[in-house]
Amino acid sequence: MEPSLLSLEKLDRSSPDLWPEQSVSSVPGVYDFAPLLSPQLSPDPQNLDLEEQDFNLLYQFRLLTALEIIEEVKKLQNVAYQLGLEEAKEMTRGKYLHILNNKKPK
């Protein structure tokens, strides 16, 4: 082993207690910052402007396992990536055809 690459530093690998379970008198706990029931995390479905098709899709997603949800997210990422490639191709095409020039009419 190369002596110049050797480090004598001792690293403390213990996990810090950033969020104690219960509040100590001067140290707030995690439940002081995030309540158990957050209204932002579970909006009322009646207030959402969803159509029947949206509700059906949500119901289908609710039936999926965690791995199946991950697969769906990967599919969406792939579709978004392909759409970005297609858009870049069309923008380049428009540039070469001078479609997007900012010419002012005389």
PDB file of N, CA and C in Angstrom:
ATOM      1  N   MET A   1       0.848  -1.178   0.000  1.00  0.00           N
ATOM      2  CA  MET A   1       0.000   0.000   0.000  1.00  0.00           C
ATOM      3  C   MET A   1       0.894   1.242   0.000  1.00  0.00           C
ATOM      4  N   GLU A   2       0.477   2.231  -0.721  1.00  0.00           N
ATOM      5  CA  GLU A   2       1.210   3.487  -0.833  1.00  0.00           C
ATOM      6  C   GLU A   2       1.126   4.242   0.488  1.00  0.00           C
ATOM      7  N   PRO A   3       2.250   4.564   1.143  1.00  0.00           N
ATOM      8  CA  PRO A   3       2.215   5.251   2.439  1.00  0.00           C
ATOM      9  C   PRO A   3       1.592   6.645   2.369  1.00  0.00           C
ATOM     10  N   SER A   4       1.690   7.311   1.230  1.00  0.00           N
ATOM     11  CA  SER A   4       1.137   8.667   1.141  1.00  0.00           C
ATOM     12  C   SER A   4      -0.395   8.657   1.097  1.00  0.00           C
ATOM     13  N   LEU A   5      -0.974   7.497   0.775  1.00  0.00           N
ATOM     14  CA  LEU A   5      -2.429   7.397   0.713  1.00  0.00           C
ATOM     15  C   LEU A   5      -3.056   6.923   2.018  1.00  0.00           C
ATOM     16  N   LEU A   6      -2.236   6.563   2.986  1.00  0.00           N
ATOM     17  CA  LEU A   6      -2.725   6.036   4.251  1.00  0.00           C
ATOM     18  C   LEU A   6      -3.234   7.173   5.137  1.00  0.00           C
ATOM     19  N   SER A   7      -4.429   7.012   5.654  1.00  0.00           N
ATOM     20  CA  SER A   7      -5.025   8.002   6.541  1.00  0.00           C
ATOM     21  C   SER A   7      -5.096   7.423   7.938  1.00  0.00           C
ATOM     22  N   LEU A   8      -4.646   8.189   8.922  1.00  0.00           N
ATOM     23  CA  LEU A   8      -4.678   7.751  10.305  1.00  0.00           C
ATOM     24  C   LEU A   8      -5.896   8.300  11.042  1.00  0.00           C
ATOM     25  N   GLU A   9      -6.779   8.955  10.306  1.00  0.00           N
ATOM     26  CA  GLU A   9      -7.959   9.559  10.913  1.00  0.00           C
ATOM     27  C   GLU A   9      -8.935   8.465  11.352  1.00  0.00           C
ATOM     28  N   LYS A  10      -9.469   8.604  12.558  1.00  0.00           N
ATOM     29  CA  LYS A  10     -10.467   7.676  13.089  1.00  0.00           C
ATOM     30  C   LYS A  10     -11.848   8.304  12.893  1.00  0.00           C
ATOM     31  N   LEU A  11     -12.690   7.611  12.171  1.00  0.00           N
ATOM     32  CA  LEU A  11     -14.026   8.122  11.903  1.00  0.00           C
ATOM     33  C   LEU A  11     -15.022   7.518  12.871  1.00  0.00           C
ATOM     34  N   ASP A  12     -15.845   8.377  13.452  1.00  0.00           N
ATOM     35  CA  ASP A  12     -16.892   7.923  14.347  1.00  0.00           C
ATOM     36  C   ASP A  12     -18.087   7.532  13.496  1.00  0.00           C
ATOM     37  N   ARG A  13     -18.395   6.269  13.459  1.00  0.00           N
ATOM     38  CA  ARG A  13     -19.469   5.765  12.604  1.00  0.00           C
ATOM     39  C   ARG A  13     -20.807   5.645  13.332  1.00  0.00           C
ATOM     40  N   SER A  14     -20.882   6.109  14.544  1.00  0.00           N
ATOM     41  CA  SER A  14     -22.150   6.017  15.263  1.00  0.00           C
ATOM     42  C   SER A  14     -23.135   7.024  14.674  1.00  0.00           C
ATOM     43  N   SER A  15     -24.367   6.665  14.669  1.00  0.00           N
ATOM     44  CA  SER A  15     -25.410   7.515  14.112  1.00  0.00           C
ATOM     45  C   SER A  15     -25.794   8.582  15.134  1.00  0.00           C
ATOM     46  N   PRO A  16     -25.840   9.836  14.728  1.00  0.00           N
ATOM     47  CA  PRO A  16     -26.250  10.876  15.682  1.00  0.00           C
ATOM     48  C   PRO A  16     -27.745  10.776  15.957  1.00  0.00           C
ATOM     49  N   ASP A  17     -28.132  11.165  17.120  1.00  0.00           N
ATOM     50  CA  ASP A  17     -29.536  11.151  17.500  1.00  0.00           C
ATOM     51  C   ASP A  17     -30.122  12.511  17.150  1.00  0.00           C
ATOM     52  N   LEU A  18     -30.502  12.674  15.861  1.00  0.00           N
ATOM     53  CA  LEU A  18     -30.999  13.961  15.393  1.00  0.00           C
ATOM     54  C   LEU A  18     -32.444  14.203  15.805  1.00  0.00           C
ATOM     55  N   TRP A  19     -33.238  13.151  15.861  1.00  0.00           N
ATOM     56  CA  TRP A  19     -34.652  13.292  16.165  1.00  0.00           C
ATOM     57  C   TRP A  19     -35.001  12.366  17.321  1.00  0.00           C
ATOM     58  N   PRO A  20     -34.808  12.823  18.543  1.00  0.00           N
ATOM     59  CA  PRO A  20     -35.172  11.961  19.676  1.00  0.00           C
ATOM     60  C   PRO A  20     -36.668  11.665  19.652  1.00  0.00           C
ATOM     61  N   GLU A  21     -37.019  10.481  20.109  1.00  0.00           N
ATOM     62  CA  GLU A  21     -38.417  10.049  20.085  1.00  0.00           C
ATOM     63  C   GLU A  21     -39.313  10.941  20.938  1.00  0.00           C
ATOM     64  N   GLN A  22     -38.844  11.288  22.106  1.00  0.00           N
ATOM     65  CA  GLN A  22     -39.652  12.125  22.976  1.00  0.00           C
ATOM     66  C   GLN A  22     -38.922  13.434  23.217  1.00  0.00           C
ATOM     67  N   SER A  23     -39.689  14.453  23.406  1.00  0.00           N
ATOM     68  CA  SER A  23     -39.089  15.762  23.638  1.00  0.00           C
ATOM     69  C   SER A  23     -38.430  15.812  25.006  1.00  0.00           C
ATOM     70  N   VAL A  24     -37.178  16.242  25.011  1.00  0.00           N
ATOM     71  CA  VAL A  24     -36.499  16.552  26.256  1.00  0.00           C
ATOM     72  C   VAL A  24     -36.817  18.018  26.504  1.00  0.00           C
ATOM     73  N   SER A  25     -36.633  18.492  27.685  1.00  0.00           N
ATOM     74  CA  SER A  25     -37.067  19.846  28.027  1.00  0.00           C
ATOM     75  C   SER A  25     -36.594  20.901  27.026  1.00  0.00           C
ATOM     76  N   SER A  26     -35.349  20.839  26.565  1.00  0.00           N
ATOM     77  CA  SER A  26     -34.855  21.871  25.660  1.00  0.00           C
ATOM     78  C   SER A  26     -34.698  21.372  24.227  1.00  0.00           C
ATOM     79  N   VAL A  27     -34.810  20.057  23.996  1.00  0.00           N
ATOM     80  CA  VAL A  27     -34.606  19.503  22.653  1.00  0.00           C
ATOM     81  C   VAL A  27     -35.950  19.013  22.118  1.00  0.00           C
ATOM     82  N   PRO A  28     -36.441  19.619  21.014  1.00  0.00           N
ATOM     83  CA  PRO A  28     -37.713  19.169  20.461  1.00  0.00           C
ATOM     84  C   PRO A  28     -37.550  17.820  19.759  1.00  0.00           C
ATOM     85  N   GLY A  29     -38.606  17.030  19.758  1.00  0.00           N
ATOM     86  CA  GLY A  29     -38.597  15.746  19.081  1.00  0.00           C
ATOM     87  C   GLY A  29     -39.202  15.855  17.695  1.00  0.00           C
ATOM     88  N   VAL A  30     -39.191  14.758  16.983  1.00  0.00           N
ATOM     89  CA  VAL A  30     -39.704  14.755  15.620  1.00  0.00           C
ATOM     90  C   VAL A  30     -41.203  15.062  15.588  1.00  0.00           C
ATOM     91  N   TYR A  31     -41.947  14.643  16.603  1.00  0.00           N
ATOM     92  CA  TYR A  31     -43.383  14.882  16.605  1.00  0.00           C
ATOM     93  C   TYR A  31     -43.724  16.335  16.894  1.00  0.00           C
ATOM     94  N   ASP A  32     -42.763  17.096  17.383  1.00  0.00           N
ATOM     95  CA  ASP A  32     -42.995  18.528  17.563  1.00  0.00           C
ATOM     96  C   ASP A  32     -42.952  19.257  16.229  1.00  0.00           C
ATOM     97  N   PHE A  33     -42.230  18.696  15.251  1.00  0.00           N
ATOM     98  CA  PHE A  33     -42.091  19.330  13.947  1.00  0.00           C
ATOM     99  C   PHE A  33     -43.132  18.832  12.951  1.00  0.00           C
ATOM    100  N   ALA A  34     -43.442  17.552  12.986  1.00  0.00           N
ATOM    101  CA  ALA A  34     -44.405  16.972  12.064  1.00  0.00           C
ATOM    102  C   ALA A  34     -45.514  16.301  12.857  1.00  0.00           C
ATOM    103  N   PRO A  35     -46.712  16.832  12.801  1.00  0.00           N
ATOM    104  CA  PRO A  35     -47.806  16.198  13.534  1.00  0.00           C
ATOM    105  C   PRO A  35     -48.132  14.830  12.940  1.00  0.00           C
ATOM    106  N   LEU A  36     -48.765  13.994  13.751  1.00  0.00           N
ATOM    107  CA  LEU A  36     -49.090  12.648  13.287  1.00  0.00           C
ATOM    108  C   LEU A  36     -50.069  12.669  12.118  1.00  0.00           C
ATOM    109  N   LEU A  37     -51.041  13.545  12.151  1.00  0.00           N
ATOM    110  CA  LEU A  37     -51.998  13.670  11.058  1.00  0.00           C
ATOM    111  C   LEU A  37     -51.811  15.030  10.401  1.00  0.00           C
ATOM    112  N   SER A  38     -51.223  15.022   9.226  1.00  0.00           N
ATOM    113  CA  SER A  38     -50.959  16.273   8.530  1.00  0.00           C
ATOM    114  C   SER A  38     -52.040  16.495   7.478  1.00  0.00           C
ATOM    115  N   PRO A  39     -52.728  17.622   7.502  1.00  0.00           N
ATOM    116  CA  PRO A  39     -53.776  17.861   6.515  1.00  0.00           C
ATOM    117  C   PRO A  39     -53.222  17.976   5.096  1.00  0.00           C
ATOM    118  N   GLN A  40     -51.959  18.376   4.923  1.00  0.00           N
ATOM    119  CA  GLN A  40     -51.393  18.505   3.590  1.00  0.00           C
ATOM    120  C   GLN A  40     -51.152  17.144   2.938  1.00  0.00           C
ATOM    121  N   LEU A  41     -50.926  16.114   3.748  1.00  0.00           N
ATOM    122  CA  LEU A  41     -50.618  14.803   3.190  1.00  0.00           C
ATOM    123  C   LEU A  41     -51.859  14.050   2.754  1.00  0.00           C
ATOM    124  N   SER A  42     -52.978  14.364   3.287  1.00  0.00           N
ATOM    125  CA  SER A  42     -54.203  13.656   2.918  1.00  0.00           C
ATOM    126  C   SER A  42     -55.319  14.648   2.626  1.00  0.00           C
ATOM    127  N   PRO A  43     -55.324  15.197   1.403  1.00  0.00           N
ATOM    128  CA  PRO A  43     -56.366  16.172   1.070  1.00  0.00           C
ATOM    129  C   PRO A  43     -57.730  15.483   0.931  1.00  0.00           C
ATOM    130  N   ASP A  44     -58.756  16.252   1.121  1.00  0.00           N
ATOM    131  CA  ASP A  44     -60.109  15.739   0.986  1.00  0.00           C
ATOM    132  C   ASP A  44     -60.398  15.480  -0.488  1.00  0.00           C
ATOM    133  N   PRO A  45     -60.767  14.245  -0.860  1.00  0.00           N
ATOM    134  CA  PRO A  45     -61.016  13.936  -2.275  1.00  0.00           C
ATOM    135  C   PRO A  45     -62.139  14.775  -2.873  1.00  0.00           C
ATOM    136  N   GLN A  46     -63.054  15.258  -2.036  1.00  0.00           N
ATOM    137  CA  GLN A  46     -64.161  16.055  -2.553  1.00  0.00           C
ATOM    138  C   GLN A  46     -63.683  17.421  -3.053  1.00  0.00           C
ATOM    139  N   ASN A  47     -62.571  17.914  -2.505  1.00  0.00           N
ATOM    140  CA  ASN A  47     -62.047  19.226  -2.909  1.00  0.00           C
ATOM    141  C   ASN A  47     -61.205  19.154  -4.175  1.00  0.00           C
ATOM    142  N   LEU A  48     -60.810  17.954  -4.582  1.00  0.00           N
ATOM    143  CA  LEU A  48     -60.014  17.806  -5.784  1.00  0.00           C
ATOM    144  C   LEU A  48     -60.917  17.813  -7.010  1.00  0.00           C
ATOM    145  N   ASP A  49     -60.420  18.379  -8.084  1.00  0.00           N
ATOM    146  CA  ASP A  49     -61.191  18.428  -9.325  1.00  0.00           C
ATOM    147  C   ASP A  49     -60.812  17.205 -10.163  1.00  0.00           C
ATOM    148  N   LEU A  50     -61.318  16.036  -9.768  1.00  0.00           N
ATOM    149  CA  LEU A  50     -60.989  14.792 -10.449  1.00  0.00           C
ATOM    150  C   LEU A  50     -62.197  14.260 -11.204  1.00  0.00           C
ATOM    151  N   GLU A  51     -61.897  13.648 -12.342  1.00  0.00           N
ATOM    152  CA  GLU A  51     -62.956  13.017 -13.124  1.00  0.00           C
ATOM    153  C   GLU A  51     -62.999  11.541 -12.781  1.00  0.00           C
ATOM    154  N   GLU A  52     -63.997  10.847 -13.304  1.00  0.00           N
ATOM    155  CA  GLU A  52     -64.170   9.417 -13.031  1.00  0.00           C
ATOM    156  C   GLU A  52     -62.931   8.622 -13.452  1.00  0.00           C
ATOM    157  N   GLN A  53     -62.341   8.994 -14.565  1.00  0.00           N
ATOM    158  CA  GLN A  53     -61.137   8.315 -15.057  1.00  0.00           C
ATOM    159  C   GLN A  53     -59.978   8.474 -14.070  1.00  0.00           C
ATOM    160  N   ASP A  54     -59.866   9.648 -13.459  1.00  0.00           N
ATOM    161  CA  ASP A  54     -58.821   9.893 -12.467  1.00  0.00           C
ATOM    162  C   ASP A  54     -59.023   9.014 -11.232  1.00  0.00           C
ATOM    163  N   PHE A  55     -60.280   8.911 -10.780  1.00  0.00           N
ATOM    164  CA  PHE A  55     -60.563   8.068  -9.624  1.00  0.00           C
ATOM    165  C   PHE A  55     -60.251   6.601  -9.923  1.00  0.00           C
ATOM    166  N   ASN A  56     -60.563   6.158 -11.145  1.00  0.00           N
ATOM    167  CA  ASN A  56     -60.260   4.775 -11.519  1.00  0.00           C
ATOM    168  C   ASN A  56     -58.763   4.522 -11.513  1.00  0.00           C
ATOM    169  N   LEU A  57     -57.996   5.481 -12.015  1.00  0.00           N
ATOM    170  CA  LEU A  57     -56.541   5.342 -12.032  1.00  0.00           C
ATOM    171  C   LEU A  57     -55.979   5.314 -10.617  1.00  0.00           C
ATOM    172  N   LEU A  58     -56.482   6.173  -9.748  1.00  0.00           N
ATOM    173  CA  LEU A  58     -56.048   6.168  -8.350  1.00  0.00           C
ATOM    174  C   LEU A  58     -56.382   4.848  -7.673  1.00  0.00           C
ATOM    175  N   TYR A  59     -57.542   4.302  -7.969  1.00  0.00           N
ATOM    176  CA  TYR A  59     -57.927   3.020  -7.391  1.00  0.00           C
ATOM    177  C   TYR A  59     -56.986   1.918  -7.866  1.00  0.00           C
ATOM    178  N   GLN A  60     -56.629   1.937  -9.153  1.00  0.00           N
ATOM    179  CA  GLN A  60     -55.695   0.937  -9.681  1.00  0.00           C
ATOM    180  C   GLN A  60     -54.329   1.069  -9.027  1.00  0.00           C
ATOM    181  N   PHE A  61     -53.866   2.294  -8.835  1.00  0.00           N
ATOM    182  CA  PHE A  61     -52.568   2.500  -8.183  1.00  0.00           C
ATOM    183  C   PHE A  61     -52.608   2.046  -6.724  1.00  0.00           C
ATOM    184  N   ARG A  62     -53.751   2.192  -6.084  1.00  0.00           N
ATOM    185  CA  ARG A  62     -53.870   1.784  -4.695  1.00  0.00           C
ATOM    186  C   ARG A  62     -53.715   0.278  -4.532  1.00  0.00           C
ATOM    187  N   LEU A  63     -54.055  -0.472  -5.559  1.00  0.00           N
ATOM    188  CA  LEU A  63     -53.968  -1.927  -5.499  1.00  0.00           C
ATOM    189  C   LEU A  63     -52.568  -2.458  -5.786  1.00  0.00           C
ATOM    190  N   LEU A  64     -51.661  -1.611  -6.245  1.00  0.00           N
ATOM    191  CA  LEU A  64     -50.313  -2.052  -6.603  1.00  0.00           C
ATOM    192  C   LEU A  64     -49.444  -2.240  -5.366  1.00  0.00           C
ATOM    193  N   THR A  65     -48.484  -3.153  -5.496  1.00  0.00           N
ATOM    194  CA  THR A  65     -47.486  -3.323  -4.448  1.00  0.00           C
ATOM    195  C   THR A  65     -46.420  -2.249  -4.606  1.00  0.00           C
ATOM    196  N   ALA A  66     -45.513  -2.175  -3.654  1.00  0.00           N
ATOM    197  CA  ALA A  66     -44.456  -1.161  -3.715  1.00  0.00           C
ATOM    198  C   ALA A  66     -43.582  -1.362  -4.952  1.00  0.00           C
ATOM    199  N   LEU A  67     -43.254  -2.606  -5.271  1.00  0.00           N
ATOM    200  CA  LEU A  67     -42.423  -2.865  -6.453  1.00  0.00           C
ATOM    201  C   LEU A  67     -43.148  -2.505  -7.749  1.00  0.00           C
ATOM    202  N   GLU A  68     -44.441  -2.750  -7.791  1.00  0.00           N
ATOM    203  CA  GLU A  68     -45.207  -2.395  -8.983  1.00  0.00           C
ATOM    204  C   GLU A  68     -45.308  -0.876  -9.139  1.00  0.00           C
ATOM    205  N   ILE A  69     -45.403  -0.158  -8.032  1.00  0.00           N
ATOM    206  CA  ILE A  69     -45.423   1.312  -8.097  1.00  0.00           C
ATOM    207  C   ILE A  69     -44.086   1.830  -8.608  1.00  0.00           C
ATOM    208  N   ILE A  70     -42.998   1.219  -8.141  1.00  0.00           N
ATOM    209  CA  ILE A  70     -41.671   1.613  -8.624  1.00  0.00           C
ATOM    210  C   ILE A  70     -41.563   1.388 -10.124  1.00  0.00           C
ATOM    211  N   GLU A  71     -42.097   0.271 -10.610  1.00  0.00           N
ATOM    212  CA  GLU A  71     -42.080   0.000 -12.050  1.00  0.00           C
ATOM    213  C   GLU A  71     -42.892   1.043 -12.818  1.00  0.00           C
ATOM    214  N   GLU A  72     -44.037   1.440 -12.279  1.00  0.00           N
ATOM    215  CA  GLU A  72     -44.850   2.470 -12.923  1.00  0.00           C
ATOM    216  C   GLU A  72     -44.101   3.802 -12.985  1.00  0.00           C
ATOM    217  N   VAL A  73     -43.409   4.139 -11.910  1.00  0.00           N
ATOM    218  CA  VAL A  73     -42.633   5.385 -11.884  1.00  0.00           C
ATOM    219  C   VAL A  73     -41.516   5.320 -12.923  1.00  0.00           C
ATOM    220  N   LYS A  74     -40.860   4.166 -13.031  1.00  0.00           N
ATOM    221  CA  LYS A  74     -39.803   4.011 -14.038  1.00  0.00           C
ATOM    222  C   LYS A  74     -40.364   4.165 -15.444  1.00  0.00           C
ATOM    223  N   LYS A  75     -41.554   3.611 -15.679  1.00  0.00           N
ATOM    224  CA  LYS A  75     -42.193   3.762 -16.991  1.00  0.00           C
ATOM    225  C   LYS A  75     -42.461   5.241 -17.284  1.00  0.00           C
ATOM    226  N   LEU A  76     -42.971   5.964 -16.274  1.00  0.00           N
ATOM    227  CA  LEU A  76     -43.243   7.389 -16.464  1.00  0.00           C
ATOM    228  C   LEU A  76     -41.962   8.170 -16.726  1.00  0.00           C
ATOM    229  N   GLN A  77     -40.881   7.816 -16.036  1.00  0.00           N
ATOM    230  CA  GLN A  77     -39.601   8.484 -16.269  1.00  0.00           C
ATOM    231  C   GLN A  77     -39.109   8.225 -17.682  1.00  0.00           C
ATOM    232  N   ASN A  78     -39.274   6.993 -18.162  1.00  0.00           N
ATOM    233  CA  ASN A  78     -38.853   6.665 -19.526  1.00  0.00           C
ATOM    234  C   ASN A  78     -39.669   7.426 -20.557  1.00  0.00           C
ATOM    235  N   VAL A  79     -40.971   7.532 -20.319  1.00  0.00           N
ATOM    236  CA  VAL A  79     -41.825   8.279 -21.243  1.00  0.00           C
ATOM    237  C   VAL A  79     -41.420   9.753 -21.251  1.00  0.00           C
ATOM    238  N   ALA A  80     -41.164  10.315 -20.072  1.00  0.00           N
ATOM    239  CA  ALA A  80     -40.749  11.717 -19.993  1.00  0.00           C
ATOM    240  C   ALA A  80     -39.421  11.935 -20.697  1.00  0.00           C
ATOM    241  N   TYR A  81     -38.496  10.975 -20.555  1.00  0.00           N
ATOM    242  CA  TYR A  81     -37.192  11.088 -21.216  1.00  0.00           C
ATOM    243  C   TYR A  81     -37.360  11.028 -22.732  1.00  0.00           C
ATOM    244  N   GLN A  82     -38.166  10.084 -23.220  1.00  0.00           N
ATOM    245  CA  GLN A  82     -38.402   9.971 -24.660  1.00  0.00           C
ATOM    246  C   GLN A  82     -39.072  11.228 -25.206  1.00  0.00           C
ATOM    247  N   LEU A  83     -39.994  11.782 -24.445  1.00  0.00           N
ATOM    248  CA  LEU A  83     -40.657  13.015 -24.856  1.00  0.00           C
ATOM    249  C   LEU A  83     -39.656  14.168 -24.939  1.00  0.00           C
ATOM    250  N   GLY A  84     -38.734  14.229 -23.976  1.00  0.00           N
ATOM    251  CA  GLY A  84     -37.693  15.255 -24.005  1.00  0.00           C
ATOM    252  C   GLY A  84     -36.793  15.110 -25.220  1.00  0.00           C
ATOM    253  N   LEU A  85     -36.435  13.869 -25.565  1.00  0.00           N
ATOM    254  CA  LEU A  85     -35.620  13.647 -26.763  1.00  0.00           C
ATOM    255  C   LEU A  85     -36.353  14.074 -28.028  1.00  0.00           C
ATOM    256  N   GLU A  86     -37.635  13.726 -28.091  1.00  0.00           N
ATOM    257  CA  GLU A  86     -38.430  14.101 -29.256  1.00  0.00           C
ATOM    258  C   GLU A  86     -38.566  15.619 -29.364  1.00  0.00           C
ATOM    259  N   GLU A  87     -38.763  16.281 -28.227  1.00  0.00           N
ATOM    260  CA  GLU A  87     -38.881  17.730 -28.231  1.00  0.00           C
ATOM    261  C   GLU A  87     -37.563  18.387 -28.665  1.00  0.00           C
ATOM    262  N   ALA A  88     -36.437  17.864 -28.181  1.00  0.00           N
ATOM    263  CA  ALA A  88     -35.136  18.411 -28.583  1.00  0.00           C
ATOM    264  C   ALA A  88     -34.918  18.240 -30.080  1.00  0.00           C
ATOM    265  N   LYS A  89     -35.337  17.098 -30.609  1.00  0.00           N
ATOM    266  CA  LYS A  89     -35.202  16.858 -32.042  1.00  0.00           C
ATOM    267  C   LYS A  89     -36.041  17.843 -32.849  1.00  0.00           C
ATOM    268  N   GLU A  90     -37.271  18.075 -32.392  1.00  0.00           N
ATOM    269  CA  GLU A  90     -38.149  19.019 -33.089  1.00  0.00           C
ATOM    270  C   GLU A  90     -37.645  20.459 -32.981  1.00  0.00           C
ATOM    271  N   MET A  91     -37.076  20.818 -31.829  1.00  0.00           N
ATOM    272  CA  MET A  91     -36.523  22.162 -31.680  1.00  0.00           C
ATOM    273  C   MET A  91     -35.320  22.358 -32.607  1.00  0.00           C
ATOM    274  N   THR A  92     -34.480  21.344 -32.711  1.00  0.00           N
ATOM    275  CA  THR A  92     -33.336  21.414 -33.628  1.00  0.00           C
ATOM    276  C   THR A  92     -33.820  21.526 -35.066  1.00  0.00           C
ATOM    277  N   ARG A  93     -34.830  20.769 -35.400  1.00  0.00           N
ATOM    278  CA  ARG A  93     -35.406  20.829 -36.749  1.00  0.00           C
ATOM    279  C   ARG A  93     -35.951  22.227 -37.022  1.00  0.00           C
ATOM    280  N   GLY A  94     -36.663  22.802 -36.048  1.00  0.00           N
ATOM    281  CA  GLY A  94     -37.192  24.152 -36.212  1.00  0.00           C
ATOM    282  C   GLY A  94     -36.093  25.188 -36.364  1.00  0.00           C
ATOM    283  N   LYS A  95     -34.989  24.966 -35.666  1.00  0.00           N
ATOM    284  CA  LYS A  95     -33.855  25.895 -35.764  1.00  0.00           C
ATOM    285  C   LYS A  95     -33.256  25.853 -37.169  1.00  0.00           C
ATOM    286  N   TYR A  96     -33.083  24.643 -37.713  1.00  0.00           N
ATOM    287  CA  TYR A  96     -32.500  24.520 -39.051  1.00  0.00           C
ATOM    288  C   TYR A  96     -33.434  25.019 -40.139  1.00  0.00           C
ATOM    289  N   LEU A  97     -34.726  24.940 -39.897  1.00  0.00           N
ATOM    290  CA  LEU A  97     -35.700  25.427 -40.874  1.00  0.00           C
ATOM    291  C   LEU A  97     -36.037  26.899 -40.654  1.00  0.00           C
ATOM    292  N   HIS A  98     -35.400  27.523 -39.655  1.00  0.00           N
ATOM    293  CA  HIS A  98     -35.598  28.941 -39.333  1.00  0.00           C
ATOM    294  C   HIS A  98     -37.058  29.246 -39.011  1.00  0.00           C
ATOM    295  N   ILE A  99     -37.707  28.321 -38.338  1.00  0.00           N
ATOM    296  CA  ILE A  99     -39.099  28.508 -37.945  1.00  0.00           C
ATOM    297  C   ILE A  99     -39.198  29.408 -36.723  1.00  0.00           C
ATOM    298  N   LEU A 100     -38.208  29.339 -35.852  1.00  0.00           N
ATOM    299  CA  LEU A 100     -38.271  30.044 -34.574  1.00  0.00           C
ATOM    300  C   LEU A 100     -37.507  31.362 -34.561  1.00  0.00           C
ATOM    301  N   ASN A 101     -37.255  31.928 -35.723  1.00  0.00           N
ATOM    302  CA  ASN A 101     -36.566  33.221 -35.771  1.00  0.00           C
ATOM    303  C   ASN A 101     -37.476  34.331 -35.249  1.00  0.00           C
ATOM    304  N   ASN A 102     -36.864  35.331 -34.628  1.00  0.00           N
ATOM    305  CA  ASN A 102     -37.602  36.472 -34.096  1.00  0.00           C
ATOM    306  C   ASN A 102     -37.547  37.621 -35.088  1.00  0.00           C
ATOM    307  N   LYS A 103     -38.067  37.429 -36.258  1.00  0.00           N
ATOM    308  CA  LYS A 103     -38.087  38.498 -37.263  1.00  0.00           C
ATOM    309  C   LYS A 103     -39.305  39.365 -37.050  1.00  0.00           C
ATOM    310  N   LYS A 104     -39.079  40.671 -37.074  1.00  0.00           N
ATOM    311  CA  LYS A 104     -40.186  41.620 -36.938  1.00  0.00           C
ATOM    312  C   LYS A 104     -40.657  42.004 -38.340  1.00  0.00           C
ATOM    313  N   PRO A 105     -41.969  42.022 -38.561  1.00  0.00           N
ATOM    314  CA  PRO A 105     -42.464  42.442 -39.873  1.00  0.00           C
ATOM    315  C   PRO A 105     -42.162  43.907 -40.128  1.00  0.00           C
ATOM    316  N   LYS A 106     -41.817  44.199 -41.379  1.00  0.00           N
ATOM    317  CA  LYS A 106     -41.477  45.588 -41.743  1.00  0.00           C
ATOM    318  C   LYS A 106     -42.677  46.338 -42.239  1.00  0.00           C
TER     319      LYS A 106
END
